């Protein structure tokens, strides 16, 4: 009987996040939100944070496990199904230049972020989450790494906030600088630059569409390749997390490497989607459902993040994100202009 009551209470928390997600989809469908290319996931975390700083104290304690379930288990399921947005055919379309530049961007951004985080004496989890979000695919990457290292929810929310801010800025800045001739690149080079450096998939789509079809098509494919790099990054993160436990004197059982199974299943789903066994309508339905699941997870993260926790994190995460943003623009531009032609 008691177990049944616990499940019922958890279900209340899950349904609450589902209702918030429905609201996020409604708000996300508004014209002004679409104009900003803000996905329902971003709207969801904002709604969750508004709730956390207003009505959260009125929430029964028995509902909290349901919110935690959304921010962990449902999050991982969402990451797995995200693979239906990708296929290995995408890799073949853009060739070696995009793959090499994506790999350099991901590796250097994460490494640079960790080094700067140490110099700023930042919380290691926030530094890693912010770096991976900047390096790979924004909020989705932050949530993927969250599933591997399991930090406190407010740390994840802080990292998401940084990548959303700079990703949104890029969506407006890139087209303006391209149209003005400051970004002196061909459409293909601009597509590689855009896809390899802008944070969110939604922001890449928004920026690409503003610069024309030739830029947009390349940018989206390059971005999808960058998203695929989440899998090896999660495996490396899992390895270093296990080594860190071992170096701190953890027992033999604790020091074993925990493979993030959802990352491997994410790769399996990409492979399955590459076979084109499902009709396009079914894939579209799965992608919509997946966006809803990720929105629930983001809303749950927001619901566990108060203003006090943002104050606790301080301004350092935003300083780190700003430095990484500078590297992405300068480094990405130079590679697109000078390295890309060499690799053709």
C-alpha atoms as a PDB file:
ATOM      1  CA  UNK A   1       0.000   0.000   0.000  1.00  0.00           C
ATOM      2  CA  UNK A   2       2.790   2.377   0.942  1.00  0.00           C
ATOM      3  CA  UNK A   3       4.647   1.648  -2.311  1.00  0.00           C
ATOM      4  CA  UNK A   4       1.477   2.426  -4.268  1.00  0.00           C
ATOM      5  CA  UNK A   5       1.163   5.778  -2.455  1.00  0.00           C
ATOM      6  CA  UNK A   6       4.790   6.611  -3.263  1.00  0.00           C
ATOM      7  CA  UNK A   7       4.241   5.878  -6.948  1.00  0.00           C
ATOM      8  CA  UNK A   8       1.078   7.975  -6.920  1.00  0.00           C
ATOM      9  CA  UNK A   9       2.937  10.897  -5.341  1.00  0.00           C
ATOM     10  CA  UNK A  10       5.751  10.564  -7.889  1.00  0.00           C
ATOM     11  CA  UNK A  11       3.179  10.526 -10.675  1.00  0.00           C
ATOM     12  CA  UNK A  12       1.828  13.858  -9.396  1.00  0.00           C
ATOM     13  CA  UNK A  13       5.278  15.414  -9.822  1.00  0.00           C
ATOM     14  CA  UNK A  14       5.671  13.933 -13.318  1.00  0.00           C
ATOM     15  CA  UNK A  15       2.223  15.166 -14.386  1.00  0.00           C
ATOM     16  CA  UNK A  16       3.038  18.635 -13.062  1.00  0.00           C
ATOM     17  CA  UNK A  17       6.137  18.768 -15.278  1.00  0.00           C
ATOM     18  CA  UNK A  18       4.065  17.445 -18.199  1.00  0.00           C
ATOM     19  CA  UNK A  19       1.555  20.288 -17.727  1.00  0.00           C
ATOM     20  CA  UNK A  20       4.374  22.832 -17.665  1.00  0.00           C
ATOM     21  CA  UNK A  21       5.759  21.260 -20.842  1.00  0.00           C
ATOM     22  CA  UNK A  22       2.378  21.629 -22.551  1.00  0.00           C
ATOM     23  CA  UNK A  23       2.454  25.296 -21.573  1.00  0.00           C
ATOM     24  CA  UNK A  24       6.017  25.558 -22.929  1.00  0.00           C
ATOM     25  CA  UNK A  25       4.874  24.155 -26.291  1.00  0.00           C
ATOM     26  CA  UNK A  26       2.000  26.652 -26.360  1.00  0.00           C
ATOM     27  CA  UNK A  27       4.281  29.588 -25.585  1.00  0.00           C
ATOM     28  CA  UNK A  28       6.913  28.259 -27.998  1.00  0.00           C
ATOM     29  CA  UNK A  29       4.327  28.357 -30.793  1.00  0.00           C
ATOM     30  CA  UNK A  30       3.831  32.107 -30.407  1.00  0.00           C
ATOM     31  CA  UNK A  31       5.177  34.181 -33.292  1.00  0.00           C
ATOM     32  CA  UNK A  32       7.543  36.333 -31.219  1.00  0.00           C
ATOM     33  CA  UNK A  33       9.067  33.233 -29.607  1.00  0.00           C
ATOM     34  CA  UNK A  34       9.489  31.593 -33.019  1.00  0.00           C
ATOM     35  CA  UNK A  35      11.170  34.769 -34.269  1.00  0.00           C
ATOM     36  CA  UNK A  36      13.802  34.313 -31.553  1.00  0.00           C
ATOM     37  CA  UNK A  37      14.176  30.613 -32.465  1.00  0.00           C
ATOM     38  CA  UNK A  38      13.671  29.667 -28.833  1.00  0.00           C
ATOM     39  CA  UNK A  39      12.796  25.992 -28.573  1.00  0.00           C
ATOM     40  CA  UNK A  40      10.141  24.644 -26.147  1.00  0.00           C
ATOM     41  CA  UNK A  41      13.061  23.293 -24.075  1.00  0.00           C
ATOM     42  CA  UNK A  42      14.327  26.804 -23.395  1.00  0.00           C
ATOM     43  CA  UNK A  43      10.803  28.045 -22.646  1.00  0.00           C
ATOM     44  CA  UNK A  44      10.358  25.056 -20.323  1.00  0.00           C
ATOM     45  CA  UNK A  45      13.407  25.831 -18.195  1.00  0.00           C
ATOM     46  CA  UNK A  46      12.273  29.465 -17.899  1.00  0.00           C
ATOM     47  CA  UNK A  47       8.801  28.382 -16.760  1.00  0.00           C
ATOM     48  CA  UNK A  48      10.356  25.936 -14.315  1.00  0.00           C
ATOM     49  CA  UNK A  49      12.576  28.636 -12.843  1.00  0.00           C
ATOM     50  CA  UNK A  50       9.634  31.028 -12.529  1.00  0.00           C
ATOM     51  CA  UNK A  51       7.799  28.305 -10.634  1.00  0.00           C
ATOM     52  CA  UNK A  52      10.825  27.536  -8.436  1.00  0.00           C
ATOM     53  CA  UNK A  53      11.013  31.166  -7.348  1.00  0.00           C
ATOM     54  CA  UNK A  54       7.287  31.656  -6.719  1.00  0.00           C
ATOM     55  CA  UNK A  55       4.989  28.727  -5.912  1.00  0.00           C
ATOM     56  CA  UNK A  56       7.535  25.947  -5.275  1.00  0.00           C
ATOM     57  CA  UNK A  57       7.221  26.224  -1.482  1.00  0.00           C
ATOM     58  CA  UNK A  58       3.578  25.178  -1.790  1.00  0.00           C
ATOM     59  CA  UNK A  59       4.515  21.919  -3.492  1.00  0.00           C
ATOM     60  CA  UNK A  60       4.002  18.776  -1.325  1.00  0.00           C
ATOM     61  CA  UNK A  61       7.316  17.125  -0.503  1.00  0.00           C
ATOM     62  CA  UNK A  62       5.985  13.820  -1.811  1.00  0.00           C
ATOM     63  CA  UNK A  63       5.875  15.290  -5.337  1.00  0.00           C
ATOM     64  CA  UNK A  64       9.601  16.099  -5.405  1.00  0.00           C
ATOM     65  CA  UNK A  65      10.708  12.556  -6.462  1.00  0.00           C
ATOM     66  CA  UNK A  66       8.547  12.932  -9.583  1.00  0.00           C
ATOM     67  CA  UNK A  67      10.369  16.119 -10.543  1.00  0.00           C
ATOM     68  CA  UNK A  68      13.711  14.401  -9.898  1.00  0.00           C
ATOM     69  CA  UNK A  69      12.565  11.493 -12.085  1.00  0.00           C
ATOM     70  CA  UNK A  70      11.938  13.914 -14.963  1.00  0.00           C
ATOM     71  CA  UNK A  71      15.328  15.607 -14.594  1.00  0.00           C
ATOM     72  CA  UNK A  72      17.173  12.254 -14.646  1.00  0.00           C
ATOM     73  CA  UNK A  73      15.374   9.256 -16.173  1.00  0.00           C
ATOM     74  CA  UNK A  74      13.191  11.092 -18.671  1.00  0.00           C
ATOM     75  CA  UNK A  75      16.206  13.223 -19.578  1.00  0.00           C
ATOM     76  CA  UNK A  76      18.202  10.157 -20.619  1.00  0.00           C
ATOM     77  CA  UNK A  77      15.322   8.732 -22.631  1.00  0.00           C
ATOM     78  CA  UNK A  78      15.078  12.091 -24.407  1.00  0.00           C
ATOM     79  CA  UNK A  79      18.790  12.033 -25.257  1.00  0.00           C
ATOM     80  CA  UNK A  80      18.451   8.514 -26.708  1.00  0.00           C
ATOM     81  CA  UNK A  81      15.505   9.465 -28.936  1.00  0.00           C
ATOM     82  CA  UNK A  82      17.394  12.593 -30.043  1.00  0.00           C
ATOM     83  CA  UNK A  83      19.264  10.211 -32.333  1.00  0.00           C
ATOM     84  CA  UNK A  84      16.256  10.168 -34.682  1.00  0.00           C
ATOM     85  CA  UNK A  85      17.236  13.695 -35.737  1.00  0.00           C
ATOM     86  CA  UNK A  86      20.564  12.391 -37.089  1.00  0.00           C
ATOM     87  CA  UNK A  87      21.913   9.949 -39.642  1.00  0.00           C
ATOM     88  CA  UNK A  88      25.339   8.851 -40.825  1.00  0.00           C
ATOM     89  CA  UNK A  89      24.373   9.989 -44.331  1.00  0.00           C
ATOM     90  CA  UNK A  90      24.655  13.555 -43.006  1.00  0.00           C
ATOM     91  CA  UNK A  91      28.355  12.971 -42.417  1.00  0.00           C
ATOM     92  CA  UNK A  92      28.920  11.852 -45.990  1.00  0.00           C
ATOM     93  CA  UNK A  93      27.287  14.973 -47.440  1.00  0.00           C
ATOM     94  CA  UNK A  94      29.731  17.546 -46.090  1.00  0.00           C
ATOM     95  CA  UNK A  95      32.963  15.549 -46.171  1.00  0.00           C
ATOM     96  CA  UNK A  96      36.281  15.801 -44.382  1.00  0.00           C
ATOM     97  CA  UNK A  97      36.544  19.604 -43.802  1.00  0.00           C
ATOM     98  CA  UNK A  98      33.426  19.773 -41.630  1.00  0.00           C
ATOM     99  CA  UNK A  99      34.353  16.659 -39.630  1.00  0.00           C
ATOM    100  CA  UNK A 100      37.895  17.882 -38.921  1.00  0.00           C
ATOM    101  CA  UNK A 101      36.808  21.416 -37.999  1.00  0.00           C
ATOM    102  CA  UNK A 102      33.991  20.078 -35.784  1.00  0.00           C
ATOM    103  CA  UNK A 103      36.461  17.788 -34.002  1.00  0.00           C
ATOM    104  CA  UNK A 104      38.917  20.651 -33.421  1.00  0.00           C
ATOM    105  CA  UNK A 105      36.152  22.954 -32.152  1.00  0.00           C
ATOM    106  CA  UNK A 106      34.816  20.343 -29.724  1.00  0.00           C
ATOM    107  CA  UNK A 107      38.229  19.271 -28.409  1.00  0.00           C
ATOM    108  CA  UNK A 108      39.733  22.750 -28.030  1.00  0.00           C
ATOM    109  CA  UNK A 109      36.580  24.299 -26.535  1.00  0.00           C
ATOM    110  CA  UNK A 110      36.256  21.648 -23.833  1.00  0.00           C
ATOM    111  CA  UNK A 111      39.978  21.695 -23.043  1.00  0.00           C
ATOM    112  CA  UNK A 112      40.105  25.491 -22.981  1.00  0.00           C
ATOM    113  CA  UNK A 113      36.997  25.617 -20.807  1.00  0.00           C
ATOM    114  CA  UNK A 114      38.471  23.253 -18.227  1.00  0.00           C
ATOM    115  CA  UNK A 115      41.729  25.247 -18.092  1.00  0.00           C
ATOM    116  CA  UNK A 116      39.958  28.606 -17.756  1.00  0.00           C
ATOM    117  CA  UNK A 117      37.626  27.114 -15.165  1.00  0.00           C
ATOM    118  CA  UNK A 118      40.638  26.172 -13.058  1.00  0.00           C
ATOM    119  CA  UNK A 119      42.152  29.646 -13.478  1.00  0.00           C
ATOM    120  CA  UNK A 120      38.861  31.207 -12.368  1.00  0.00           C
ATOM    121  CA  UNK A 121      38.670  28.698  -9.483  1.00  0.00           C
ATOM    122  CA  UNK A 122      35.209  27.682 -10.624  1.00  0.00           C
ATOM    123  CA  UNK A 123      33.121  24.737  -9.553  1.00  0.00           C
ATOM    124  CA  UNK A 124      34.433  21.864 -11.709  1.00  0.00           C
ATOM    125  CA  UNK A 125      30.987  20.558 -12.635  1.00  0.00           C
ATOM    126  CA  UNK A 126      29.734  23.950 -13.831  1.00  0.00           C
ATOM    127  CA  UNK A 127      32.945  24.514 -15.818  1.00  0.00           C
ATOM    128  CA  UNK A 128      32.627  21.119 -17.534  1.00  0.00           C
ATOM    129  CA  UNK A 129      28.906  21.549 -18.255  1.00  0.00           C
ATOM    130  CA  UNK A 130      29.413  25.061 -19.663  1.00  0.00           C
ATOM    131  CA  UNK A 131      32.358  23.936 -21.792  1.00  0.00           C
ATOM    132  CA  UNK A 132      30.498  20.952 -23.249  1.00  0.00           C
ATOM    133  CA  UNK A 133      27.409  23.055 -23.933  1.00  0.00           C
ATOM    134  CA  UNK A 134      29.523  25.598 -25.816  1.00  0.00           C
ATOM    135  CA  UNK A 135      31.489  22.893 -27.628  1.00  0.00           C
ATOM    136  CA  UNK A 136      28.775  20.534 -28.843  1.00  0.00           C
ATOM    137  CA  UNK A 137      25.072  21.358 -28.965  1.00  0.00           C
ATOM    138  CA  UNK A 138      24.022  23.738 -26.225  1.00  0.00           C
ATOM    139  CA  UNK A 139      21.366  22.611 -23.783  1.00  0.00           C
ATOM    140  CA  UNK A 140      21.179  19.049 -25.153  1.00  0.00           C
ATOM    141  CA  UNK A 141      24.919  18.556 -24.526  1.00  0.00           C
ATOM    142  CA  UNK A 142      24.663  20.063 -21.047  1.00  0.00           C
ATOM    143  CA  UNK A 143      21.875  17.612 -20.239  1.00  0.00           C
ATOM    144  CA  UNK A 144      23.836  14.712 -21.711  1.00  0.00           C
ATOM    145  CA  UNK A 145      26.867  15.462 -19.539  1.00  0.00           C
ATOM    146  CA  UNK A 146      24.494  15.983 -16.602  1.00  0.00           C
ATOM    147  CA  UNK A 147      23.410  12.375 -17.047  1.00  0.00           C
ATOM    148  CA  UNK A 148      27.039  11.225 -16.944  1.00  0.00           C
ATOM    149  CA  UNK A 149      28.331  13.227 -13.948  1.00  0.00           C
ATOM    150  CA  UNK A 150      25.056  13.844 -12.049  1.00  0.00           C
ATOM    151  CA  UNK A 151      25.701  17.311 -10.597  1.00  0.00           C
ATOM    152  CA  UNK A 152      23.223  19.312  -8.529  1.00  0.00           C
ATOM    153  CA  UNK A 153      20.332  20.541 -10.726  1.00  0.00           C
ATOM    154  CA  UNK A 154      21.091  24.243 -10.271  1.00  0.00           C
ATOM    155  CA  UNK A 155      24.578  23.742 -11.758  1.00  0.00           C
ATOM    156  CA  UNK A 156      23.038  22.320 -14.901  1.00  0.00           C
ATOM    157  CA  UNK A 157      20.558  25.196 -15.098  1.00  0.00           C
ATOM    158  CA  UNK A 158      23.367  27.767 -14.802  1.00  0.00           C
ATOM    159  CA  UNK A 159      25.274  26.106 -17.647  1.00  0.00           C
ATOM    160  CA  UNK A 160      22.139  25.980 -19.814  1.00  0.00           C
ATOM    161  CA  UNK A 161      21.544  29.696 -19.178  1.00  0.00           C
ATOM    162  CA  UNK A 162      25.007  30.611 -20.466  1.00  0.00           C
ATOM    163  CA  UNK A 163      24.744  28.664 -23.721  1.00  0.00           C
ATOM    164  CA  UNK A 164      21.224  29.948 -24.401  1.00  0.00           C
ATOM    165  CA  UNK A 165      22.357  33.575 -23.975  1.00  0.00           C
ATOM    166  CA  UNK A 166      25.352  33.303 -26.316  1.00  0.00           C
ATOM    167  CA  UNK A 167      23.565  31.033 -28.783  1.00  0.00           C
ATOM    168  CA  UNK A 168      20.740  33.561 -29.104  1.00  0.00           C
ATOM    169  CA  UNK A 169      23.275  36.366 -29.595  1.00  0.00           C
ATOM    170  CA  UNK A 170      24.952  34.380 -32.401  1.00  0.00           C
ATOM    171  CA  UNK A 171      21.668  33.878 -34.191  1.00  0.00           C
ATOM    172  CA  UNK A 172      21.372  37.642 -34.718  1.00  0.00           C
ATOM    173  CA  UNK A 173      25.077  38.534 -34.915  1.00  0.00           C
ATOM    174  CA  UNK A 174      26.218  36.054 -37.588  1.00  0.00           C
ATOM    175  CA  UNK A 175      23.715  37.092 -40.309  1.00  0.00           C
ATOM    176  CA  UNK A 176      24.420  40.796 -39.704  1.00  0.00           C
ATOM    177  CA  UNK A 177      28.201  40.377 -39.956  1.00  0.00           C
ATOM    178  CA  UNK A 178      27.824  38.100 -42.990  1.00  0.00           C
ATOM    179  CA  UNK A 179      25.571  40.550 -44.835  1.00  0.00           C
ATOM    180  CA  UNK A 180      27.927  43.426 -43.996  1.00  0.00           C
ATOM    181  CA  UNK A 181      30.871  41.536 -45.452  1.00  0.00           C
ATOM    182  CA  UNK A 182      32.771  41.354 -42.146  1.00  0.00           C
ATOM    183  CA  UNK A 183      32.525  37.567 -42.322  1.00  0.00           C
ATOM    184  CA  UNK A 184      34.184  37.339 -45.745  1.00  0.00           C
ATOM    185  CA  UNK A 185      33.344  33.706 -46.499  1.00  0.00           C
ATOM    186  CA  UNK A 186      31.755  31.750 -49.338  1.00  0.00           C
ATOM    187  CA  UNK A 187      28.302  30.218 -48.630  1.00  0.00           C
ATOM    188  CA  UNK A 188      29.836  26.779 -47.994  1.00  0.00           C
ATOM    189  CA  UNK A 189      32.513  28.229 -45.703  1.00  0.00           C
ATOM    190  CA  UNK A 190      29.916  30.303 -43.860  1.00  0.00           C
ATOM    191  CA  UNK A 191      27.813  27.171 -43.444  1.00  0.00           C
ATOM    192  CA  UNK A 192      30.764  25.320 -41.911  1.00  0.00           C
ATOM    193  CA  UNK A 193      31.554  28.294 -39.668  1.00  0.00           C
ATOM    194  CA  UNK A 194      27.932  28.623 -38.510  1.00  0.00           C
ATOM    195  CA  UNK A 195      27.350  24.919 -37.891  1.00  0.00           C
ATOM    196  CA  UNK A 196      30.632  24.383 -36.067  1.00  0.00           C
ATOM    197  CA  UNK A 197      30.411  27.354 -33.689  1.00  0.00           C
ATOM    198  CA  UNK A 198      26.803  28.292 -32.815  1.00  0.00           C
ATOM    199  CA  UNK A 199      25.554  26.568 -29.668  1.00  0.00           C
ATOM    200  CA  UNK A 200      21.957  25.368 -30.186  1.00  0.00           C
ATOM    201  CA  UNK A 201      20.560  23.458 -33.166  1.00  0.00           C
ATOM    202  CA  UNK A 202      17.581  25.848 -33.187  1.00  0.00           C
ATOM    203  CA  UNK A 203      19.921  28.841 -33.315  1.00  0.00           C
ATOM    204  CA  UNK A 204      21.871  27.323 -36.216  1.00  0.00           C
ATOM    205  CA  UNK A 205      18.589  26.878 -38.104  1.00  0.00           C
ATOM    206  CA  UNK A 206      17.563  30.471 -37.348  1.00  0.00           C
ATOM    207  CA  UNK A 207      20.919  31.973 -38.334  1.00  0.00           C
ATOM    208  CA  UNK A 208      21.235  29.776 -41.422  1.00  0.00           C
ATOM    209  CA  UNK A 209      17.781  30.671 -42.734  1.00  0.00           C
ATOM    210  CA  UNK A 210      18.630  34.366 -42.359  1.00  0.00           C
ATOM    211  CA  UNK A 211      21.690  33.898 -44.596  1.00  0.00           C
ATOM    212  CA  UNK A 212      20.100  31.853 -47.376  1.00  0.00           C
ATOM    213  CA  UNK A 213      19.543  28.233 -48.355  1.00  0.00           C
ATOM    214  CA  UNK A 214      23.140  27.612 -49.479  1.00  0.00           C
ATOM    215  CA  UNK A 215      24.465  28.569 -46.038  1.00  0.00           C
ATOM    216  CA  UNK A 216      21.611  26.940 -44.110  1.00  0.00           C
ATOM    217  CA  UNK A 217      21.851  23.466 -45.672  1.00  0.00           C
ATOM    218  CA  UNK A 218      25.574  23.142 -44.954  1.00  0.00           C
ATOM    219  CA  UNK A 219      25.271  24.690 -41.481  1.00  0.00           C
ATOM    220  CA  UNK A 220      22.589  22.255 -40.321  1.00  0.00           C
ATOM    221  CA  UNK A 221      24.496  19.175 -41.517  1.00  0.00           C
ATOM    222  CA  UNK A 222      27.739  20.404 -39.908  1.00  0.00           C
ATOM    223  CA  UNK A 223      25.816  21.001 -36.691  1.00  0.00           C
ATOM    224  CA  UNK A 224      24.368  17.483 -36.762  1.00  0.00           C
ATOM    225  CA  UNK A 225      27.876  16.031 -37.069  1.00  0.00           C
ATOM    226  CA  UNK A 226      28.864  18.109 -34.052  1.00  0.00           C
ATOM    227  CA  UNK A 227      25.913  16.677 -32.120  1.00  0.00           C
ATOM    228  CA  UNK A 228      27.136  13.134 -32.883  1.00  0.00           C
ATOM    229  CA  UNK A 229      30.371  13.973 -31.091  1.00  0.00           C
ATOM    230  CA  UNK A 230      28.405  13.993 -27.844  1.00  0.00           C
ATOM    231  CA  UNK A 231      28.851  10.206 -27.656  1.00  0.00           C
ATOM    232  CA  UNK A 232      32.691  10.050 -27.514  1.00  0.00           C
ATOM    233  CA  UNK A 233      32.718  13.081 -25.210  1.00  0.00           C
ATOM    234  CA  UNK A 234      30.389  11.325 -22.750  1.00  0.00           C
ATOM    235  CA  UNK A 235      32.562   8.189 -22.816  1.00  0.00           C
ATOM    236  CA  UNK A 236      35.681  10.262 -22.092  1.00  0.00           C
ATOM    237  CA  UNK A 237      33.871  12.133 -19.303  1.00  0.00           C
ATOM    238  CA  UNK A 238      32.779   8.818 -17.765  1.00  0.00           C
ATOM    239  CA  UNK A 239      36.386   7.589 -17.850  1.00  0.00           C
ATOM    240  CA  UNK A 240      37.766  10.678 -16.099  1.00  0.00           C
ATOM    241  CA  UNK A 241      34.962  10.692 -13.528  1.00  0.00           C
ATOM    242  CA  UNK A 242      35.850   7.099 -12.615  1.00  0.00           C
ATOM    243  CA  UNK A 243      39.571   7.945 -12.493  1.00  0.00           C
ATOM    244  CA  UNK A 244      38.796  10.917 -10.242  1.00  0.00           C
ATOM    245  CA  UNK A 245      36.953   8.665  -7.820  1.00  0.00           C
ATOM    246  CA  UNK A 246      39.895   6.261  -7.809  1.00  0.00           C
ATOM    247  CA  UNK A 247      42.449   9.037  -7.208  1.00  0.00           C
ATOM    248  CA  UNK A 248      40.453  10.260  -4.211  1.00  0.00           C
ATOM    249  CA  UNK A 249      40.849   6.858  -2.608  1.00  0.00           C
ATOM    250  CA  UNK A 250      37.535   5.259  -3.560  1.00  0.00           C
ATOM    251  CA  UNK A 251      37.258   1.517  -3.234  1.00  0.00           C
ATOM    252  CA  UNK A 252      37.803  -0.842  -6.131  1.00  0.00           C
ATOM    253  CA  UNK A 253      34.074  -1.177  -6.670  1.00  0.00           C
ATOM    254  CA  UNK A 254      33.533   2.580  -6.787  1.00  0.00           C
ATOM    255  CA  UNK A 255      36.449   3.229  -9.134  1.00  0.00           C
ATOM    256  CA  UNK A 256      35.082   1.133 -12.013  1.00  0.00           C
ATOM    257  CA  UNK A 257      34.143   3.095 -15.125  1.00  0.00           C
ATOM    258  CA  UNK A 258      30.403   3.636 -15.431  1.00  0.00           C
ATOM    259  CA  UNK A 259      29.559   3.656 -19.129  1.00  0.00           C
ATOM    260  CA  UNK A 260      26.745   6.139 -19.868  1.00  0.00           C
ATOM    261  CA  UNK A 261      24.425   3.587 -21.466  1.00  0.00           C
ATOM    262  CA  UNK A 262      22.137   6.269 -22.830  1.00  0.00           C
ATOM    263  CA  UNK A 263      25.036   7.609 -24.946  1.00  0.00           C
ATOM    264  CA  UNK A 264      25.575   4.200 -26.530  1.00  0.00           C
ATOM    265  CA  UNK A 265      21.846   3.794 -27.176  1.00  0.00           C
ATOM    266  CA  UNK A 266      21.880   7.296 -28.692  1.00  0.00           C
ATOM    267  CA  UNK A 267      24.490   6.033 -31.172  1.00  0.00           C
ATOM    268  CA  UNK A 268      22.430   2.880 -31.854  1.00  0.00           C
ATOM    269  CA  UNK A 269      19.366   5.013 -32.619  1.00  0.00           C
ATOM    270  CA  UNK A 270      21.419   7.132 -35.065  1.00  0.00           C
ATOM    271  CA  UNK A 271      22.487   3.916 -36.812  1.00  0.00           C
ATOM    272  CA  UNK A 272      18.898   2.663 -36.945  1.00  0.00           C
ATOM    273  CA  UNK A 273      17.676   5.992 -38.310  1.00  0.00           C
ATOM    274  CA  UNK A 274      20.393   5.864 -40.986  1.00  0.00           C
ATOM    275  CA  UNK A 275      18.734   2.731 -42.418  1.00  0.00           C
ATOM    276  CA  UNK A 276      15.513   4.714 -43.139  1.00  0.00           C
ATOM    277  CA  UNK A 277      13.328   1.812 -42.005  1.00  0.00           C
ATOM    278  CA  UNK A 278      10.625   4.069 -40.557  1.00  0.00           C
ATOM    279  CA  UNK A 279       8.383   6.339 -42.648  1.00  0.00           C
ATOM    280  CA  UNK A 280       9.103  10.059 -42.400  1.00  0.00           C
ATOM    281  CA  UNK A 281       5.789  10.701 -40.620  1.00  0.00           C
ATOM    282  CA  UNK A 282       6.733   8.244 -37.871  1.00  0.00           C
ATOM    283  CA  UNK A 283      10.169   9.832 -37.438  1.00  0.00           C
ATOM    284  CA  UNK A 284       8.559  13.282 -37.263  1.00  0.00           C
ATOM    285  CA  UNK A 285       6.170  12.052 -34.557  1.00  0.00           C
ATOM    286  CA  UNK A 286       9.055  10.539 -32.575  1.00  0.00           C
ATOM    287  CA  UNK A 287      11.005  13.806 -32.831  1.00  0.00           C
ATOM    288  CA  UNK A 288       8.021  15.791 -31.544  1.00  0.00           C
ATOM    289  CA  UNK A 289       7.593  13.344 -28.638  1.00  0.00           C
ATOM    290  CA  UNK A 290      11.316  13.557 -27.930  1.00  0.00           C
ATOM    291  CA  UNK A 291      11.179  17.355 -27.811  1.00  0.00           C
ATOM    292  CA  UNK A 292       8.340  17.022 -25.286  1.00  0.00           C
ATOM    293  CA  UNK A 293      10.405  14.645 -23.110  1.00  0.00           C
ATOM    294  CA  UNK A 294      13.424  16.963 -23.193  1.00  0.00           C
ATOM    295  CA  UNK A 295      11.145  19.890 -22.369  1.00  0.00           C
ATOM    296  CA  UNK A 296       9.877  17.999 -19.311  1.00  0.00           C
ATOM    297  CA  UNK A 297      13.486  17.393 -18.248  1.00  0.00           C
ATOM    298  CA  UNK A 298      14.451  21.037 -18.745  1.00  0.00           C
ATOM    299  CA  UNK A 299      11.363  22.202 -16.860  1.00  0.00           C
ATOM    300  CA  UNK A 300      12.265  19.888 -13.979  1.00  0.00           C
ATOM    301  CA  UNK A 301      15.798  21.335 -13.903  1.00  0.00           C
ATOM    302  CA  UNK A 302      14.323  24.815 -13.819  1.00  0.00           C
ATOM    303  CA  UNK A 303      11.911  23.822 -11.038  1.00  0.00           C
ATOM    304  CA  UNK A 304      14.915  22.915  -8.866  1.00  0.00           C
ATOM    305  CA  UNK A 305      16.766  26.178  -9.533  1.00  0.00           C
ATOM    306  CA  UNK A 306      16.147  29.244  -7.405  1.00  0.00           C
ATOM    307  CA  UNK A 307      17.681  32.708  -7.732  1.00  0.00           C
ATOM    308  CA  UNK A 308      19.734  32.013  -4.603  1.00  0.00           C
ATOM    309  CA  UNK A 309      21.439  29.134  -6.385  1.00  0.00           C
ATOM    310  CA  UNK A 310      22.280  31.396  -9.332  1.00  0.00           C
ATOM    311  CA  UNK A 311      23.811  33.843  -6.868  1.00  0.00           C
ATOM    312  CA  UNK A 312      25.759  30.972  -5.338  1.00  0.00           C
ATOM    313  CA  UNK A 313      27.219  30.115  -8.765  1.00  0.00           C
ATOM    314  CA  UNK A 314      28.255  33.769  -9.268  1.00  0.00           C
ATOM    315  CA  UNK A 315      29.337  35.508 -12.465  1.00  0.00           C
ATOM    316  CA  UNK A 316      32.236  33.170 -13.276  1.00  0.00           C
ATOM    317  CA  UNK A 317      30.210  30.762 -15.463  1.00  0.00           C
ATOM    318  CA  UNK A 318      29.187  33.682 -17.669  1.00  0.00           C
ATOM    319  CA  UNK A 319      32.814  34.895 -17.857  1.00  0.00           C
ATOM    320  CA  UNK A 320      33.852  31.400 -18.932  1.00  0.00           C
ATOM    321  CA  UNK A 321      31.062  31.207 -21.522  1.00  0.00           C
ATOM    322  CA  UNK A 322      32.036  34.648 -22.888  1.00  0.00           C
ATOM    323  CA  UNK A 323      35.703  33.646 -23.304  1.00  0.00           C
ATOM    324  CA  UNK A 324      34.701  30.415 -25.042  1.00  0.00           C
ATOM    325  CA  UNK A 325      32.351  32.402 -27.268  1.00  0.00           C
ATOM    326  CA  UNK A 326      35.237  34.630 -28.324  1.00  0.00           C
ATOM    327  CA  UNK A 327      37.312  31.559 -29.190  1.00  0.00           C
ATOM    328  CA  UNK A 328      34.439  30.035 -31.197  1.00  0.00           C
ATOM    329  CA  UNK A 329      34.034  33.169 -33.313  1.00  0.00           C
ATOM    330  CA  UNK A 330      37.732  33.865 -33.957  1.00  0.00           C
ATOM    331  CA  UNK A 331      38.961  30.270 -34.138  1.00  0.00           C
ATOM    332  CA  UNK A 332      35.943  29.039 -36.086  1.00  0.00           C
ATOM    333  CA  UNK A 333      36.211  31.860 -38.629  1.00  0.00           C
ATOM    334  CA  UNK A 334      39.927  31.283 -39.245  1.00  0.00           C
ATOM    335  CA  UNK A 335      39.435  27.532 -39.688  1.00  0.00           C
ATOM    336  CA  UNK A 336      36.486  27.987 -42.057  1.00  0.00           C
ATOM    337  CA  UNK A 337      38.407  30.506 -44.169  1.00  0.00           C
ATOM    338  CA  UNK A 338      41.893  28.980 -44.250  1.00  0.00           C
ATOM    339  CA  UNK A 339      41.729  25.331 -43.099  1.00  0.00           C
ATOM    340  CA  UNK A 340      38.547  24.311 -44.929  1.00  0.00           C
ATOM    341  CA  UNK A 341      39.943  24.990 -48.471  1.00  0.00           C
ATOM    342  CA  UNK A 342      43.097  23.006 -47.667  1.00  0.00           C
ATOM    343  CA  UNK A 343      41.036  19.970 -46.598  1.00  0.00           C
ATOM    344  CA  UNK A 344      38.797  19.999 -49.682  1.00  0.00           C
END
